[in-house]
PDB file of N, CA and C in Angstrom:
ATOM      1  N   UNK A   1      53.465 -94.721 -54.690  1.00  0.00           N
ATOM      2  CA  UNK A   1      54.546 -94.711 -53.504  1.00  0.00           C
ATOM      3  C   UNK A   1      53.967 -93.866 -52.389  1.00  0.00           C
ATOM      4  N   UNK A   2      53.383 -94.112 -51.550  1.00  0.00           N
ATOM      5  CA  UNK A   2      52.771 -93.599 -50.409  1.00  0.00           C
ATOM      6  C   UNK A   2      53.691 -92.912 -49.145  1.00  0.00           C
ATOM      7  N   UNK A   3      53.410 -92.322 -48.791  1.00  0.00           N
ATOM      8  CA  UNK A   3      54.191 -90.992 -47.611  1.00  0.00           C
ATOM      9  C   UNK A   3      54.758 -92.146 -45.957  1.00  0.00           C
ATOM     10  N   UNK A   4      55.966 -92.556 -45.188  1.00  0.00           N
ATOM     11  CA  UNK A   4      56.482 -93.072 -44.565  1.00  0.00           C
ATOM     12  C   UNK A   4      55.120 -92.202 -43.443  1.00  0.00           C
ATOM     13  N   UNK A   5      54.681 -92.791 -42.774  1.00  0.00           N
ATOM     14  CA  UNK A   5      53.862 -93.524 -41.619  1.00  0.00           C
ATOM     15  C   UNK A   5      54.841 -92.662 -40.808  1.00  0.00           C
ATOM     16  N   UNK A   6      54.460 -91.830 -39.692  1.00  0.00           N
ATOM     17  CA  UNK A   6      55.097 -90.366 -38.822  1.00  0.00           C
ATOM     18  C   UNK A   6      55.330 -91.281 -37.883  1.00  0.00           C
ATOM     19  N   UNK A   7      56.206 -91.033 -37.138  1.00  0.00           N
ATOM     20  CA  UNK A   7      56.477 -92.459 -35.294  1.00  0.00           C
ATOM     21  C   UNK A   7      55.407 -91.556 -34.276  1.00  0.00           C
ATOM     22  N   UNK A   8      54.630 -91.886 -33.906  1.00  0.00           N
ATOM     23  CA  UNK A   8      54.186 -90.809 -32.346  1.00  0.00           C
ATOM     24  C   UNK A   8      55.160 -91.364 -31.240  1.00  0.00           C
ATOM     25  N   UNK A   9      55.719 -90.752 -30.435  1.00  0.00           N
ATOM     26  CA  UNK A   9      55.880 -91.000 -28.872  1.00  0.00           C
ATOM     27  C   UNK A   9      54.120 -90.743 -28.107  1.00  0.00           C
ATOM     28  N   UNK A  10      53.676 -91.596 -28.619  1.00  0.00           N
ATOM     29  CA  UNK A  10      52.870 -92.156 -27.091  1.00  0.00           C
ATOM     30  C   UNK A  10      52.977 -91.519 -25.559  1.00  0.00           C
ATOM     31  N   UNK A  11      53.994 -91.484 -25.036  1.00  0.00           N
ATOM     32  CA  UNK A  11      54.188 -91.238 -23.405  1.00  0.00           C
ATOM     33  C   UNK A  11      55.280 -89.799 -23.633  1.00  0.00           C
ATOM     34  N   UNK A  12      55.156 -89.366 -23.470  1.00  0.00           N
ATOM     35  CA  UNK A  12      55.926 -88.323 -23.670  1.00  0.00           C
ATOM     36  C   UNK A  12      56.467 -88.011 -21.695  1.00  0.00           C
ATOM     37  N   UNK A  13      57.936 -88.073 -21.930  1.00  0.00           N
ATOM     38  CA  UNK A  13      58.546 -88.248 -20.593  1.00  0.00           C
ATOM     39  C   UNK A  13      58.393 -87.258 -19.610  1.00  0.00           C
ATOM     40  N   UNK A  14      58.073 -87.018 -18.698  1.00  0.00           N
ATOM     41  CA  UNK A  14      57.605 -86.199 -17.987  1.00  0.00           C
ATOM     42  C   UNK A  14      58.886 -86.342 -16.094  1.00  0.00           C
ATOM     43  N   UNK A  15      59.724 -84.762 -16.261  1.00  0.00           N
ATOM     44  CA  UNK A  15      60.741 -84.944 -15.004  1.00  0.00           C
ATOM     45  C   UNK A  15      59.627 -84.782 -13.674  1.00  0.00           C
ATOM     46  N   UNK A  16      60.319 -85.880 -12.766  1.00  0.00           N
ATOM     47  CA  UNK A  16      59.075 -85.831 -11.326  1.00  0.00           C
ATOM     48  C   UNK A  16      61.282 -86.069 -10.585  1.00  0.00           C
ATOM     49  N   UNK A  17      60.468 -85.053  -9.447  1.00  0.00           N
ATOM     50  CA  UNK A  17      61.778 -85.073  -7.949  1.00  0.00           C
ATOM     51  C   UNK A  17      60.784 -85.798  -7.052  1.00  0.00           C
ATOM     52  N   UNK A  18      61.342 -86.578  -6.218  1.00  0.00           N
ATOM     53  CA  UNK A  18      60.641 -86.732  -5.214  1.00  0.00           C
ATOM     54  C   UNK A  18      61.761 -87.120  -4.088  1.00  0.00           C
ATOM     55  N   UNK A  19      61.114 -86.615  -2.908  1.00  0.00           N
ATOM     56  CA  UNK A  19      62.009 -86.363  -1.471  1.00  0.00           C
ATOM     57  C   UNK A  19      62.499 -87.822  -1.040  1.00  0.00           C
ATOM     58  N   UNK A  20      63.237 -88.276  -0.583  1.00  0.00           N
ATOM     59  CA  UNK A  20      63.744 -89.057   0.209  1.00  0.00           C
ATOM     60  C   UNK A  20      64.556 -88.539   1.204  1.00  0.00           C
ATOM     61  N   UNK A  21      63.870 -88.536   2.417  1.00  0.00           N
ATOM     62  CA  UNK A  21      64.700 -88.163   3.762  1.00  0.00           C
ATOM     63  C   UNK A  21      65.840 -89.183   4.297  1.00  0.00           C
ATOM     64  N   UNK A  22      65.675 -90.727   3.976  1.00  0.00           N
ATOM     65  CA  UNK A  22      66.432 -91.573   4.249  1.00  0.00           C
ATOM     66  C   UNK A  22      67.381 -91.739   3.769  1.00  0.00           C
ATOM     67  N   UNK A  23      67.477 -91.486   2.537  1.00  0.00           N
ATOM     68  CA  UNK A  23      68.654 -91.522   1.468  1.00  0.00           C
ATOM     69  C   UNK A  23      69.512 -91.110   1.259  1.00  0.00           C
ATOM     70  N   UNK A  24      71.194 -90.996   2.710  1.00  0.00           N
ATOM     71  CA  UNK A  24      72.191 -90.877   3.051  1.00  0.00           C
ATOM     72  C   UNK A  24      73.651 -91.033   2.234  1.00  0.00           C
ATOM     73  N   UNK A  25      73.885 -92.020   1.600  1.00  0.00           N
ATOM     74  CA  UNK A  25      74.736 -92.485   1.145  1.00  0.00           C
ATOM     75  C   UNK A  25      74.987 -93.241  -0.487  1.00  0.00           C
ATOM     76  N   UNK A  26      76.301 -93.034  -1.700  1.00  0.00           N
ATOM     77  CA  UNK A  26      76.901 -93.912  -2.226  1.00  0.00           C
ATOM     78  C   UNK A  26      75.110 -95.178  -2.551  1.00  0.00           C
ATOM     79  N   UNK A  27      75.401 -95.895  -1.068  1.00  0.00           N
ATOM     80  CA  UNK A  27      74.560 -96.925  -1.341  1.00  0.00           C
ATOM     81  C   UNK A  27      73.066 -97.082  -1.618  1.00  0.00           C
ATOM     82  N   UNK A  28      72.489 -95.660  -0.986  1.00  0.00           N
ATOM     83  CA  UNK A  28      71.265 -95.414  -1.218  1.00  0.00           C
ATOM     84  C   UNK A  28      70.928 -94.873  -2.641  1.00  0.00           C
ATOM     85  N   UNK A  29      71.670 -94.369  -3.663  1.00  0.00           N
ATOM     86  CA  UNK A  29      71.788 -93.841  -4.245  1.00  0.00           C
ATOM     87  C   UNK A  29      71.804 -95.423  -5.615  1.00  0.00           C
ATOM     88  N   UNK A  30      72.758 -95.733  -5.052  1.00  0.00           N
ATOM     89  CA  UNK A  30      72.769 -97.115  -5.737  1.00  0.00           C
ATOM     90  C   UNK A  30      71.855 -98.744  -5.834  1.00  0.00           C
ATOM     91  N   UNK A  31      70.828 -98.294  -4.989  1.00  0.00           N
ATOM     92  CA  UNK A  31      69.478 -98.785  -4.708  1.00  0.00           C
ATOM     93  C   UNK A  31      68.427 -98.129  -5.319  1.00  0.00           C
ATOM     94  N   UNK A  32      68.593 -97.759  -4.941  1.00  0.00           N
ATOM     95  CA  UNK A  32      67.040 -96.008  -5.635  1.00  0.00           C
ATOM     96  C   UNK A  32      67.206 -96.417  -7.304  1.00  0.00           C
ATOM     97  N   UNK A  33      68.184 -95.968  -8.088  1.00  0.00           N
ATOM     98  CA  UNK A  33      68.656 -95.942  -9.369  1.00  0.00           C
ATOM     99  C   UNK A  33      68.487 -97.287 -10.222  1.00  0.00           C
ATOM    100  N   UNK A  34      69.296 -98.712  -8.760  1.00  0.00           N
ATOM    101  CA  UNK A  34      68.425-100.019  -9.493  1.00  0.00           C
ATOM    102  C   UNK A  34      67.025-100.485  -9.600  1.00  0.00           C
ATOM    103  N   UNK A  35      66.724 -99.648  -8.722  1.00  0.00           N
ATOM    104  CA  UNK A  35      64.747 -99.929  -7.952  1.00  0.00           C
ATOM    105  C   UNK A  35      64.027 -99.716  -9.498  1.00  0.00           C
ATOM    106  N   UNK A  36      64.522 -98.505 -10.090  1.00  0.00           N
ATOM    107  CA  UNK A  36      63.829 -97.426 -10.880  1.00  0.00           C
ATOM    108  C   UNK A  36      64.459 -97.894 -12.144  1.00  0.00           C
ATOM    109  N   UNK A  37      65.574 -99.095 -11.889  1.00  0.00           N
ATOM    110  CA  UNK A  37      66.073 -98.731 -13.593  1.00  0.00           C
ATOM    111  C   UNK A  37      65.165-100.482 -13.949  1.00  0.00           C
ATOM    112  N   UNK A  38      65.415-100.838 -12.879  1.00  0.00           N
ATOM    113  CA  UNK A  38      64.775-102.415 -12.833  1.00  0.00           C
ATOM    114  C   UNK A  38      63.251-102.212 -13.728  1.00  0.00           C
ATOM    115  N   UNK A  39      62.589-101.038 -13.902  1.00  0.00           N
ATOM    116  CA  UNK A  39      61.153-100.766 -13.873  1.00  0.00           C
ATOM    117  C   UNK A  39      61.577-100.693 -15.656  1.00  0.00           C
ATOM    118  N   UNK A  40      62.285-100.013 -16.095  1.00  0.00           N
ATOM    119  CA  UNK A  40      62.402 -99.905 -17.096  1.00  0.00           C
ATOM    120  C   UNK A  40      64.353 -98.939 -17.386  1.00  0.00           C
ATOM    121  N   UNK A  41      64.977 -99.683 -18.285  1.00  0.00           N
ATOM    122  CA  UNK A  41      66.111 -99.127 -18.696  1.00  0.00           C
ATOM    123  C   UNK A  41      65.938 -98.679 -18.966  1.00  0.00           C
ATOM    124  N   UNK A  42      65.484 -97.419 -19.828  1.00  0.00           N
ATOM    125  CA  UNK A  42      65.664 -96.530 -20.102  1.00  0.00           C
ATOM    126  C   UNK A  42      65.255 -95.207 -19.307  1.00  0.00           C
ATOM    127  N   UNK A  43      64.922 -95.517 -18.117  1.00  0.00           N
ATOM    128  CA  UNK A  43      64.977 -93.816 -17.138  1.00  0.00           C
ATOM    129  C   UNK A  43      65.627 -93.294 -16.602  1.00  0.00           C
ATOM    130  N   UNK A  44      65.644 -92.367 -16.829  1.00  0.00           N
ATOM    131  CA  UNK A  44      66.871 -91.205 -16.370  1.00  0.00           C
ATOM    132  C   UNK A  44      66.795 -91.096 -14.910  1.00  0.00           C
ATOM    133  N   UNK A  45      67.971 -91.225 -13.901  1.00  0.00           N
ATOM    134  CA  UNK A  45      67.582 -91.277 -12.853  1.00  0.00           C
ATOM    135  C   UNK A  45      68.660 -90.347 -12.359  1.00  0.00           C
ATOM    136  N   UNK A  46      68.623 -89.262 -11.617  1.00  0.00           N
ATOM    137  CA  UNK A  46      69.353 -88.275 -10.847  1.00  0.00           C
ATOM    138  C   UNK A  46      69.513 -88.120  -9.331  1.00  0.00           C
ATOM    139  N   UNK A  47      70.320 -88.553  -8.631  1.00  0.00           N
ATOM    140  CA  UNK A  47      69.797 -88.273  -6.834  1.00  0.00           C
ATOM    141  C   UNK A  47      70.579 -87.240  -6.693  1.00  0.00           C
ATOM    142  N   UNK A  48      70.300 -86.477  -5.229  1.00  0.00           N
ATOM    143  CA  UNK A  48      71.184 -85.115  -4.970  1.00  0.00           C
ATOM    144  C   UNK A  48      71.078 -85.599  -3.199  1.00  0.00           C
ATOM    145  N   UNK A  49      71.733 -86.104  -2.999  1.00  0.00           N
ATOM    146  CA  UNK A  49      72.430 -86.617  -1.622  1.00  0.00           C
ATOM    147  C   UNK A  49      72.472 -85.361  -0.345  1.00  0.00           C
ATOM    148  N   UNK A  50      72.887 -84.021  -0.918  1.00  0.00           N
ATOM    149  CA  UNK A  50      72.762 -82.743   0.075  1.00  0.00           C
ATOM    150  C   UNK A  50      71.075 -82.710   0.347  1.00  0.00           C
ATOM    151  N   UNK A  51      70.440 -82.953  -1.106  1.00  0.00           N
ATOM    152  CA  UNK A  51      69.062 -82.060  -0.301  1.00  0.00           C
ATOM    153  C   UNK A  51      68.206 -83.224  -0.353  1.00  0.00           C
ATOM    154  N   UNK A  52      68.984 -84.732  -0.294  1.00  0.00           N
ATOM    155  CA  UNK A  52      68.023 -85.428  -0.201  1.00  0.00           C
ATOM    156  C   UNK A  52      66.451 -85.600  -1.868  1.00  0.00           C
ATOM    157  N   UNK A  53      67.599 -85.738  -2.429  1.00  0.00           N
ATOM    158  CA  UNK A  53      66.005 -85.846  -3.851  1.00  0.00           C
ATOM    159  C   UNK A  53      66.454 -86.593  -5.174  1.00  0.00           C
ATOM    160  N   UNK A  54      64.922 -87.258  -5.503  1.00  0.00           N
ATOM    161  CA  UNK A  54      65.597 -87.938  -7.097  1.00  0.00           C
ATOM    162  C   UNK A  54      64.968 -87.521  -7.325  1.00  0.00           C
ATOM    163  N   UNK A  55      65.329 -87.213  -8.470  1.00  0.00           N
ATOM    164  CA  UNK A  55      65.122 -87.047 -10.006  1.00  0.00           C
ATOM    165  C   UNK A  55      64.563 -87.812 -10.963  1.00  0.00           C
ATOM    166  N   UNK A  56      63.808 -88.160 -11.538  1.00  0.00           N
ATOM    167  CA  UNK A  56      63.928 -89.272 -12.443  1.00  0.00           C
ATOM    168  C   UNK A  56      63.222 -88.707 -13.403  1.00  0.00           C
ATOM    169  N   UNK A  57      62.988 -89.050 -15.496  1.00  0.00           N
ATOM    170  CA  UNK A  57      62.963 -88.716 -16.428  1.00  0.00           C
ATOM    171  C   UNK A  57      62.344 -90.236 -16.700  1.00  0.00           C
ATOM    172  N   UNK A  58      60.876 -90.350 -17.061  1.00  0.00           N
ATOM    173  CA  UNK A  58      60.227 -91.178 -17.457  1.00  0.00           C
ATOM    174  C   UNK A  58      58.533 -90.858 -17.702  1.00  0.00           C
ATOM    175  N   UNK A  59      58.400 -91.565 -18.187  1.00  0.00           N
ATOM    176  CA  UNK A  59      56.871 -91.205 -18.901  1.00  0.00           C
ATOM    177  C   UNK A  59      56.144 -92.924 -18.273  1.00  0.00           C
ATOM    178  N   UNK A  60      55.521 -92.013 -17.083  1.00  0.00           N
ATOM    179  CA  UNK A  60      55.177 -92.725 -15.755  1.00  0.00           C
ATOM    180  C   UNK A  60      54.415 -92.124 -15.095  1.00  0.00           C
ATOM    181  N   UNK A  61      53.417 -92.987 -13.895  1.00  0.00           N
ATOM    182  CA  UNK A  61      52.752 -92.289 -13.218  1.00  0.00           C
ATOM    183  C   UNK A  61      53.441 -92.583 -11.688  1.00  0.00           C
ATOM    184  N   UNK A  62      53.691 -91.223 -10.378  1.00  0.00           N
ATOM    185  CA  UNK A  62      54.222 -91.110 -10.216  1.00  0.00           C
ATOM    186  C   UNK A  62      54.316 -92.174  -9.257  1.00  0.00           C
ATOM    187  N   UNK A  63      53.181 -93.167  -9.295  1.00  0.00           N
ATOM    188  CA  UNK A  63      52.366 -93.393  -7.843  1.00  0.00           C
ATOM    189  C   UNK A  63      53.422 -94.978  -7.955  1.00  0.00           C
ATOM    190  N   UNK A  64      53.423 -94.913  -9.480  1.00  0.00           N
ATOM    191  CA  UNK A  64      54.733 -96.381  -9.729  1.00  0.00           C
ATOM    192  C   UNK A  64      56.104 -96.061 -10.014  1.00  0.00           C
ATOM    193  N   UNK A  65      56.830 -94.839 -10.151  1.00  0.00           N
ATOM    194  CA  UNK A  65      58.099 -94.195  -9.366  1.00  0.00           C
ATOM    195  C   UNK A  65      58.401 -94.390  -7.738  1.00  0.00           C
ATOM    196  N   UNK A  66      57.262 -94.208  -7.246  1.00  0.00           N
ATOM    197  CA  UNK A  66      57.448 -94.019  -5.825  1.00  0.00           C
ATOM    198  C   UNK A  66      57.336 -95.456  -5.231  1.00  0.00           C
ATOM    199  N   UNK A  67      56.946 -96.077  -5.626  1.00  0.00           N
ATOM    200  CA  UNK A  67      56.418 -98.092  -5.962  1.00  0.00           C
ATOM    201  C   UNK A  67      58.150 -98.466  -5.658  1.00  0.00           C
ATOM    202  N   UNK A  68      58.448 -98.085  -7.100  1.00  0.00           N
ATOM    203  CA  UNK A  68      59.693 -98.600  -7.572  1.00  0.00           C
ATOM    204  C   UNK A  68      61.284 -98.114  -5.769  1.00  0.00           C
ATOM    205  N   UNK A  69      60.519 -96.629  -5.817  1.00  0.00           N
ATOM    206  CA  UNK A  69      62.165 -96.253  -4.812  1.00  0.00           C
ATOM    207  C   UNK A  69      61.443 -96.813  -3.526  1.00  0.00           C
ATOM    208  N   UNK A  70      60.359 -97.019  -3.288  1.00  0.00           N
ATOM    209  CA  UNK A  70      60.166 -98.068  -2.042  1.00  0.00           C
ATOM    210  C   UNK A  70      60.463 -99.589  -2.139  1.00  0.00           C
ATOM    211  N   UNK A  71      60.217-100.047  -3.621  1.00  0.00           N
ATOM    212  CA  UNK A  71      61.162-101.317  -3.387  1.00  0.00           C
ATOM    213  C   UNK A  71      62.449-101.196  -3.391  1.00  0.00           C
ATOM    214  N   UNK A  72      63.352 -99.611  -3.540  1.00  0.00           N
ATOM    215  CA  UNK A  72      65.184-100.251  -2.534  1.00  0.00           C
ATOM    216  C   UNK A  72      64.949-100.345  -1.464  1.00  0.00           C
ATOM    217  N   UNK A  73      63.378 -99.770  -0.366  1.00  0.00           N
ATOM    218  CA  UNK A  73      63.874 -99.493   1.175  1.00  0.00           C
ATOM    219  C   UNK A  73      63.602 -98.543   1.518  1.00  0.00           C
ATOM    220  N   UNK A  74      63.284 -97.290   0.050  1.00  0.00           N
ATOM    221  CA  UNK A  74      62.935 -95.921   0.803  1.00  0.00           C
ATOM    222  C   UNK A  74      61.869 -95.301   0.505  1.00  0.00           C
ATOM    223  N   UNK A  75      60.829 -95.024   1.882  1.00  0.00           N
ATOM    224  CA  UNK A  75      60.060 -93.336   1.403  1.00  0.00           C
ATOM    225  C   UNK A  75      59.794 -92.736   0.421  1.00  0.00           C
ATOM    226  N   UNK A  76      59.308 -92.042   0.063  1.00  0.00           N
ATOM    227  CA  UNK A  76      59.251 -90.808  -0.993  1.00  0.00           C
ATOM    228  C   UNK A  76      58.130 -89.747  -1.131  1.00  0.00           C
ATOM    229  N   UNK A  77      58.359 -89.054  -1.314  1.00  0.00           N
ATOM    230  CA  UNK A  77      57.018 -87.869  -1.013  1.00  0.00           C
ATOM    231  C   UNK A  77      57.207 -87.870  -3.036  1.00  0.00           C
ATOM    232  N   UNK A  78      56.003 -87.185  -3.720  1.00  0.00           N
ATOM    233  CA  UNK A  78      56.585 -86.273  -4.835  1.00  0.00           C
ATOM    234  C   UNK A  78      56.390 -84.621  -4.424  1.00  0.00           C
ATOM    235  N   UNK A  79      57.873 -83.263  -5.013  1.00  0.00           N
ATOM    236  CA  UNK A  79      57.437 -82.815  -4.588  1.00  0.00           C
ATOM    237  C   UNK A  79      57.146 -82.388  -6.195  1.00  0.00           C
ATOM    238  N   UNK A  80      57.705 -82.319  -7.004  1.00  0.00           N
ATOM    239  CA  UNK A  80      57.360 -81.638  -8.513  1.00  0.00           C
ATOM    240  C   UNK A  80      57.379 -82.331  -9.552  1.00  0.00           C
ATOM    241  N   UNK A  81      56.294 -81.571 -10.492  1.00  0.00           N
ATOM    242  CA  UNK A  81      56.308 -82.965 -11.872  1.00  0.00           C
ATOM    243  C   UNK A  81      56.960 -81.579 -13.193  1.00  0.00           C
ATOM    244  N   UNK A  82      57.615 -81.833 -14.073  1.00  0.00           N
ATOM    245  CA  UNK A  82      57.545 -80.645 -14.699  1.00  0.00           C
ATOM    246  C   UNK A  82      56.731 -81.234 -16.305  1.00  0.00           C
TER     247      UNK A  82
END
């Protein structure tokens, strides 16, 4: 009997924070969240209206996430990666 094969997560989730200066209301939050989740429903999106930032936990490149935010109609800049 052979040992079970190990399970590998090839893509480690990253936490990326973006500045989104034009995000001003709950409609903006919903549009950005929908655009990111359209890329992958497993992405975890957290929006902070007061500071106009979006934090995303997802194993992807910042450019891809930035493009998904732009798809929602908002320009963004990566300000932090953890």
